[in-house]
Each structure stands twice: as structure tokens, then as C-alpha cells.
Amino acid sequence: MLSRKRILVTGGAGFLGSHLCDRLVADGHDVICADNYFTGTKDNIVHLMNNAHFEVLRHDVTFPLYVEIDEIYNLACPASPVHYQYDPVQTTKTTVHGAINMLGLAKRTGAKILQ
């Protein structure tokens, strides 16, 4: 590894996000997992909870987040038709407001972002 980075993974308790958190921690990075648990679950990340390089924030990306980071992986999105139909307004807010908030965070911190 070239250098340890502080990385934010939104939707980090979901299927894709939790596996990305696993990989980033294994690669030696400091990982912040932000999730509101609308579709994600703590069961997906419980094995990382005692790792000193892993932090969990219960956070909804429709609200701004103020952390200092080097990279952002914005994976927050209710990712199934069941969830889209259950709460289409929240799904839209998550994708639109979440993207705006994460892009703002990237701009403020100079972080690279995967949207």
C-alpha cells in the first residue's frame, strides 16, 4: 500500500458497501461507514466493529456530513424495486440530495469521489 487513506463509504452497511469496507480495511485504510440502515444492516459490518481502522456513523446522506476524508464511495441508495415502491420519495432524496451532499463534501475536502 502506498499510503493510508481516510475513506468514507456511504451505504456501507449494504451488500456492496459492506464488501467494499472489508476490502478497504484489509488494504490498510481508515474507513468511515455511513448508513441510515434503511436497507443495510449491522449484520453486514459487525465483524469490523472492533477494528481500530473502522468507524460507523448512523447517518442519512440527505443531510450534510462534516468529516475529513481523502476519498468518498457514494453507494447509498435503496437498491431494489421493493424499496423504490415502498418509499419513492426517500429513494429520490437519497440519490439526488445524497449526491449533492457528497459532491459538496468532496469539494470542501478535496476528496476524490466515486458517485
N, C-alpha and C. Protein backbone atom coordinates (compact mmCIF):
# COMPACT_ATOMS: atom_id res chain seq x y z
N MET A 1 0.84 -1.17 0.00
CA MET A 1 0.00 0.00 0.00
C MET A 1 0.89 1.24 0.00
N LEU A 2 0.56 2.20 -0.84
CA LEU A 2 1.34 3.41 -0.93
C LEU A 2 1.15 4.31 0.28
N SER A 3 -0.07 4.62 0.64
CA SER A 3 -0.33 5.45 1.82
C SER A 3 -1.72 5.16 2.36
N ARG A 4 -1.82 5.25 3.67
CA ARG A 4 -3.11 5.04 4.33
C ARG A 4 -4.01 6.23 4.02
N LYS A 5 -5.23 5.94 3.60
CA LYS A 5 -6.20 6.99 3.31
C LYS A 5 -7.38 6.88 4.27
N ARG A 6 -8.03 8.00 4.47
CA ARG A 6 -9.27 8.04 5.26
C ARG A 6 -10.40 8.08 4.24
N ILE A 7 -11.21 7.02 4.23
CA ILE A 7 -12.20 6.82 3.16
C ILE A 7 -13.60 6.70 3.74
N LEU A 8 -14.53 7.45 3.14
CA LEU A 8 -15.94 7.39 3.51
C LEU A 8 -16.68 6.48 2.53
N VAL A 9 -17.43 5.52 3.07
CA VAL A 9 -18.29 4.66 2.26
C VAL A 9 -19.72 4.91 2.72
N THR A 10 -20.51 5.60 1.88
CA THR A 10 -21.93 5.77 2.22
C THR A 10 -22.67 4.52 1.75
N GLY A 11 -23.67 4.13 2.51
CA GLY A 11 -24.32 2.85 2.21
C GLY A 11 -23.43 1.70 2.60
N GLY A 12 -22.54 1.95 3.55
CA GLY A 12 -21.52 0.96 3.93
C GLY A 12 -22.04 -0.28 4.62
N ALA A 13 -23.28 -0.27 5.08
CA ALA A 13 -23.86 -1.46 5.71
C ALA A 13 -24.70 -2.27 4.73
N GLY A 14 -24.74 -1.85 3.48
CA GLY A 14 -25.45 -2.60 2.45
C GLY A 14 -24.57 -3.71 1.88
N PHE A 15 -25.09 -4.43 0.92
CA PHE A 15 -24.35 -5.56 0.34
C PHE A 15 -23.04 -5.11 -0.30
N LEU A 16 -23.11 -4.20 -1.25
CA LEU A 16 -21.89 -3.75 -1.92
C LEU A 16 -21.00 -2.95 -0.98
N GLY A 17 -21.60 -2.03 -0.23
CA GLY A 17 -20.82 -1.18 0.66
C GLY A 17 -20.06 -1.95 1.71
N SER A 18 -20.68 -2.97 2.29
CA SER A 18 -20.01 -3.74 3.34
C SER A 18 -18.83 -4.52 2.78
N HIS A 19 -18.97 -5.04 1.58
CA HIS A 19 -17.84 -5.75 0.97
C HIS A 19 -16.72 -4.78 0.60
N LEU A 20 -17.08 -3.58 0.18
CA LEU A 20 -16.06 -2.57 -0.09
C LEU A 20 -15.35 -2.18 1.20
N CYS A 21 -16.09 -2.01 2.29
CA CYS A 21 -15.47 -1.71 3.59
C CYS A 21 -14.48 -2.80 3.97
N ASP A 22 -14.87 -4.06 3.80
CA ASP A 22 -13.97 -5.19 4.08
C ASP A 22 -12.65 -5.02 3.33
N ARG A 23 -12.75 -4.76 2.05
CA ARG A 23 -11.56 -4.66 1.20
C ARG A 23 -10.68 -3.47 1.59
N LEU A 24 -11.31 -2.32 1.82
CA LEU A 24 -10.54 -1.12 2.15
C LEU A 24 -9.82 -1.26 3.49
N VAL A 25 -10.49 -1.85 4.48
CA VAL A 25 -9.85 -2.09 5.77
C VAL A 25 -8.71 -3.09 5.60
N ALA A 26 -8.94 -4.16 4.84
CA ALA A 26 -7.90 -5.16 4.58
C ALA A 26 -6.70 -4.55 3.87
N ASP A 27 -6.95 -3.54 3.05
CA ASP A 27 -5.86 -2.86 2.34
C ASP A 27 -5.15 -1.83 3.21
N GLY A 28 -5.59 -1.68 4.46
CA GLY A 28 -4.90 -0.81 5.40
C GLY A 28 -5.40 0.61 5.51
N HIS A 29 -6.57 0.88 4.99
CA HIS A 29 -7.12 2.23 5.05
C HIS A 29 -7.99 2.42 6.30
N ASP A 30 -8.18 3.68 6.68
CA ASP A 30 -9.13 4.04 7.73
C ASP A 30 -10.47 4.28 7.05
N VAL A 31 -11.49 3.55 7.46
CA VAL A 31 -12.78 3.57 6.77
C VAL A 31 -13.87 4.10 7.69
N ILE A 32 -14.64 5.04 7.17
CA ILE A 32 -15.85 5.52 7.84
C ILE A 32 -17.03 4.99 7.05
N CYS A 33 -17.85 4.20 7.70
CA CYS A 33 -19.05 3.63 7.09
C CYS A 33 -20.24 4.47 7.55
N ALA A 34 -20.91 5.12 6.60
CA ALA A 34 -22.10 5.91 6.92
C ALA A 34 -23.32 5.21 6.34
N ASP A 35 -24.30 4.96 7.18
CA ASP A 35 -25.51 4.27 6.71
C ASP A 35 -26.67 4.64 7.62
N ASN A 36 -27.87 4.74 7.05
CA ASN A 36 -29.06 5.00 7.85
C ASN A 36 -29.84 3.72 8.13
N TYR A 37 -29.37 2.59 7.64
CA TYR A 37 -29.97 1.27 7.84
C TYR A 37 -31.38 1.15 7.27
N PHE A 38 -31.69 1.94 6.25
CA PHE A 38 -32.98 1.81 5.56
C PHE A 38 -33.04 0.46 4.85
N THR A 39 -31.95 0.10 4.19
CA THR A 39 -31.87 -1.22 3.55
C THR A 39 -30.65 -2.00 4.02
N GLY A 40 -29.63 -1.33 4.52
CA GLY A 40 -28.44 -2.01 5.03
C GLY A 40 -28.70 -2.56 6.42
N THR A 41 -27.77 -3.38 6.89
CA THR A 41 -27.92 -3.99 8.21
C THR A 41 -26.58 -4.08 8.92
N LYS A 42 -26.61 -3.92 10.24
CA LYS A 42 -25.38 -4.03 11.03
C LYS A 42 -24.76 -5.42 10.91
N ASP A 43 -25.57 -6.42 10.61
CA ASP A 43 -25.04 -7.77 10.45
C ASP A 43 -23.96 -7.83 9.37
N ASN A 44 -24.04 -6.95 8.38
CA ASN A 44 -23.07 -6.95 7.29
C ASN A 44 -21.71 -6.39 7.70
N ILE A 45 -21.68 -5.64 8.80
CA ILE A 45 -20.42 -4.98 9.20
C ILE A 45 -20.00 -5.29 10.62
N VAL A 46 -20.76 -6.11 11.34
CA VAL A 46 -20.47 -6.37 12.75
C VAL A 46 -19.05 -6.91 12.95
N HIS A 47 -18.55 -7.68 12.01
CA HIS A 47 -17.20 -8.25 12.14
C HIS A 47 -16.10 -7.18 12.07
N LEU A 48 -16.43 -5.97 11.62
CA LEU A 48 -15.46 -4.88 11.54
C LEU A 48 -15.53 -3.94 12.74
N MET A 49 -16.55 -4.07 13.56
CA MET A 49 -16.82 -3.09 14.61
C MET A 49 -15.67 -2.88 15.59
N ASN A 50 -14.89 -3.89 15.89
CA ASN A 50 -13.79 -3.75 16.84
C ASN A 50 -12.46 -3.44 16.17
N ASN A 51 -12.48 -3.19 14.88
CA ASN A 51 -11.26 -2.85 14.16
C ASN A 51 -10.97 -1.36 14.36
N ALA A 52 -9.76 -1.04 14.78
CA ALA A 52 -9.38 0.35 15.05
C ALA A 52 -9.41 1.22 13.80
N HIS A 53 -9.41 0.60 12.63
CA HIS A 53 -9.39 1.36 11.37
C HIS A 53 -10.78 1.46 10.73
N PHE A 54 -11.81 1.15 11.53
CA PHE A 54 -13.19 1.16 11.03
C PHE A 54 -14.08 1.93 11.99
N GLU A 55 -14.88 2.83 11.43
CA GLU A 55 -15.79 3.65 12.23
C GLU A 55 -17.17 3.63 11.55
N VAL A 56 -18.21 3.56 12.36
CA VAL A 56 -19.57 3.55 11.83
C VAL A 56 -20.29 4.83 12.27
N LEU A 57 -20.93 5.48 11.31
CA LEU A 57 -21.78 6.63 11.60
C LEU A 57 -23.18 6.32 11.13
N ARG A 58 -24.15 6.39 12.02
CA ARG A 58 -25.54 6.26 11.59
C ARG A 58 -25.91 7.62 11.01
N HIS A 59 -26.02 7.67 9.69
CA HIS A 59 -26.21 8.96 9.02
C HIS A 59 -27.00 8.77 7.74
N ASP A 60 -27.88 9.71 7.48
CA ASP A 60 -28.67 9.73 6.25
C ASP A 60 -28.03 10.75 5.31
N VAL A 61 -27.63 10.33 4.13
CA VAL A 61 -26.91 11.22 3.21
C VAL A 61 -27.76 12.36 2.67
N THR A 62 -29.05 12.36 2.97
CA THR A 62 -29.87 13.50 2.56
C THR A 62 -29.54 14.73 3.41
N PHE A 63 -28.75 14.54 4.45
CA PHE A 63 -28.27 15.63 5.29
C PHE A 63 -26.76 15.74 5.12
N PRO A 64 -26.21 16.95 5.19
CA PRO A 64 -24.75 17.12 5.03
C PRO A 64 -23.98 16.34 6.10
N LEU A 65 -22.79 15.96 5.76
CA LEU A 65 -21.90 15.24 6.68
C LEU A 65 -20.59 16.00 6.73
N TYR A 66 -20.09 16.23 7.92
CA TYR A 66 -18.86 17.01 8.08
C TYR A 66 -17.77 16.14 8.68
N VAL A 67 -17.00 15.52 7.81
CA VAL A 67 -15.86 14.71 8.21
C VAL A 67 -14.69 15.07 7.29
N GLU A 68 -13.50 14.76 7.75
CA GLU A 68 -12.31 15.00 6.93
C GLU A 68 -11.90 13.67 6.31
N ILE A 69 -11.91 13.61 4.99
CA ILE A 69 -11.63 12.36 4.29
C ILE A 69 -10.81 12.63 3.03
N ASP A 70 -10.25 11.53 2.49
CA ASP A 70 -9.46 11.60 1.25
C ASP A 70 -10.24 11.09 0.04
N GLU A 71 -11.14 10.15 0.28
CA GLU A 71 -11.93 9.55 -0.80
C GLU A 71 -13.35 9.29 -0.31
N ILE A 72 -14.29 9.31 -1.27
CA ILE A 72 -15.69 9.01 -0.98
C ILE A 72 -16.18 7.98 -2.00
N TYR A 73 -16.81 6.93 -1.49
CA TYR A 73 -17.54 5.98 -2.34
C TYR A 73 -19.01 6.14 -1.96
N ASN A 74 -19.77 6.81 -2.81
CA ASN A 74 -21.18 7.09 -2.50
C ASN A 74 -22.05 5.96 -3.04
N LEU A 75 -22.31 4.98 -2.18
CA LEU A 75 -23.11 3.81 -2.56
C LEU A 75 -24.49 3.82 -1.90
N ALA A 76 -24.85 4.92 -1.28
CA ALA A 76 -26.13 5.00 -0.57
C ALA A 76 -27.28 5.09 -1.57
N CYS A 77 -28.11 4.07 -1.58
CA CYS A 77 -29.30 4.06 -2.43
C CYS A 77 -30.12 2.81 -2.12
N PRO A 78 -31.41 2.98 -1.83
CA PRO A 78 -32.26 1.80 -1.69
C PRO A 78 -32.31 1.08 -3.04
N ALA A 79 -31.64 -0.04 -3.15
CA ALA A 79 -31.33 -0.61 -4.46
C ALA A 79 -32.22 -1.76 -4.90
N SER A 80 -33.50 -1.68 -4.63
CA SER A 80 -34.37 -2.72 -5.16
C SER A 80 -35.75 -2.13 -5.43
N PRO A 81 -36.47 -2.70 -6.39
CA PRO A 81 -37.82 -2.21 -6.69
C PRO A 81 -38.75 -2.22 -5.47
N VAL A 82 -38.55 -3.17 -4.58
CA VAL A 82 -39.39 -3.23 -3.37
C VAL A 82 -39.23 -1.93 -2.57
N HIS A 83 -38.00 -1.48 -2.42
CA HIS A 83 -37.75 -0.26 -1.65
C HIS A 83 -38.17 0.99 -2.43
N TYR A 84 -37.96 0.97 -3.75
CA TYR A 84 -38.41 2.11 -4.57
C TYR A 84 -39.91 2.30 -4.39
N GLN A 85 -40.65 1.21 -4.44
CA GLN A 85 -42.11 1.28 -4.36
C GLN A 85 -42.59 1.61 -2.95
N TYR A 86 -41.86 1.14 -1.96
CA TYR A 86 -42.24 1.39 -0.57
C TYR A 86 -42.15 2.88 -0.23
N ASP A 87 -41.06 3.53 -0.67
CA ASP A 87 -40.86 4.94 -0.35
C ASP A 87 -40.12 5.64 -1.50
N PRO A 88 -40.84 5.92 -2.60
CA PRO A 88 -40.18 6.52 -3.76
C PRO A 88 -39.62 7.92 -3.48
N VAL A 89 -40.24 8.66 -2.58
CA VAL A 89 -39.74 10.00 -2.26
C VAL A 89 -38.38 9.89 -1.57
N GLN A 90 -38.27 9.00 -0.59
CA GLN A 90 -36.99 8.82 0.11
C GLN A 90 -35.92 8.30 -0.85
N THR A 91 -36.29 7.42 -1.75
CA THR A 91 -35.33 6.93 -2.75
C THR A 91 -34.79 8.08 -3.59
N THR A 92 -35.68 8.95 -4.03
CA THR A 92 -35.26 10.10 -4.84
C THR A 92 -34.40 11.05 -4.03
N LYS A 93 -34.79 11.32 -2.79
CA LYS A 93 -33.98 12.19 -1.93
C LYS A 93 -32.59 11.62 -1.72
N THR A 94 -32.52 10.31 -1.49
CA THR A 94 -31.23 9.68 -1.25
C THR A 94 -30.32 9.83 -2.46
N THR A 95 -30.84 9.60 -3.64
CA THR A 95 -29.98 9.68 -4.82
C THR A 95 -29.64 11.12 -5.19
N VAL A 96 -30.60 12.02 -5.11
CA VAL A 96 -30.35 13.41 -5.54
C VAL A 96 -29.67 14.22 -4.44
N HIS A 97 -30.31 14.33 -3.27
CA HIS A 97 -29.72 15.11 -2.18
C HIS A 97 -28.42 14.47 -1.69
N GLY A 98 -28.40 13.14 -1.67
CA GLY A 98 -27.19 12.44 -1.26
C GLY A 98 -26.02 12.77 -2.17
N ALA A 99 -26.27 12.77 -3.47
CA ALA A 99 -25.21 13.10 -4.43
C ALA A 99 -24.75 14.55 -4.24
N ILE A 100 -25.69 15.46 -4.07
CA ILE A 100 -25.33 16.87 -3.87
C ILE A 100 -24.49 17.03 -2.60
N ASN A 101 -24.91 16.39 -1.51
CA ASN A 101 -24.17 16.50 -0.26
C ASN A 101 -22.78 15.88 -0.35
N MET A 102 -22.66 14.73 -1.01
CA MET A 102 -21.35 14.10 -1.12
C MET A 102 -20.43 14.87 -2.07
N LEU A 103 -20.99 15.44 -3.13
CA LEU A 103 -20.18 16.28 -4.02
C LEU A 103 -19.71 17.53 -3.28
N GLY A 104 -20.57 18.09 -2.44
CA GLY A 104 -20.17 19.24 -1.62
C GLY A 104 -19.06 18.88 -0.65
N LEU A 105 -19.16 17.71 -0.04
CA LEU A 105 -18.12 17.24 0.88
C LEU A 105 -16.81 17.03 0.13
N ALA A 106 -16.89 16.45 -1.06
CA ALA A 106 -15.69 16.25 -1.87
C ALA A 106 -15.04 17.58 -2.23
N LYS A 107 -15.86 18.55 -2.57
CA LYS A 107 -15.33 19.88 -2.92
C LYS A 107 -14.65 20.52 -1.71
N ARG A 108 -15.30 20.44 -0.55
CA ARG A 108 -14.76 21.07 0.65
C ARG A 108 -13.44 20.43 1.10
N THR A 109 -13.35 19.10 0.99
CA THR A 109 -12.17 18.39 1.49
C THR A 109 -11.13 18.11 0.42
N GLY A 110 -11.50 18.30 -0.85
CA GLY A 110 -10.59 17.95 -1.93
C GLY A 110 -10.51 16.46 -2.17
N ALA A 111 -11.51 15.72 -1.67
CA ALA A 111 -11.52 14.26 -1.79
C ALA A 111 -11.92 13.82 -3.20
N LYS A 112 -11.38 12.68 -3.60
CA LYS A 112 -11.85 12.03 -4.82
C LYS A 112 -13.17 11.35 -4.49
N ILE A 113 -14.07 11.30 -5.47
CA ILE A 113 -15.38 10.69 -5.22
C ILE A 113 -15.74 9.73 -6.33
N LEU A 114 -16.28 8.58 -5.94
CA LEU A 114 -16.90 7.65 -6.87
C LEU A 114 -18.40 7.78 -6.62
N GLN A 115 -19.11 8.26 -7.61
CA GLN A 115 -20.52 8.56 -7.47
C GLN A 115 -21.34 7.48 -8.14
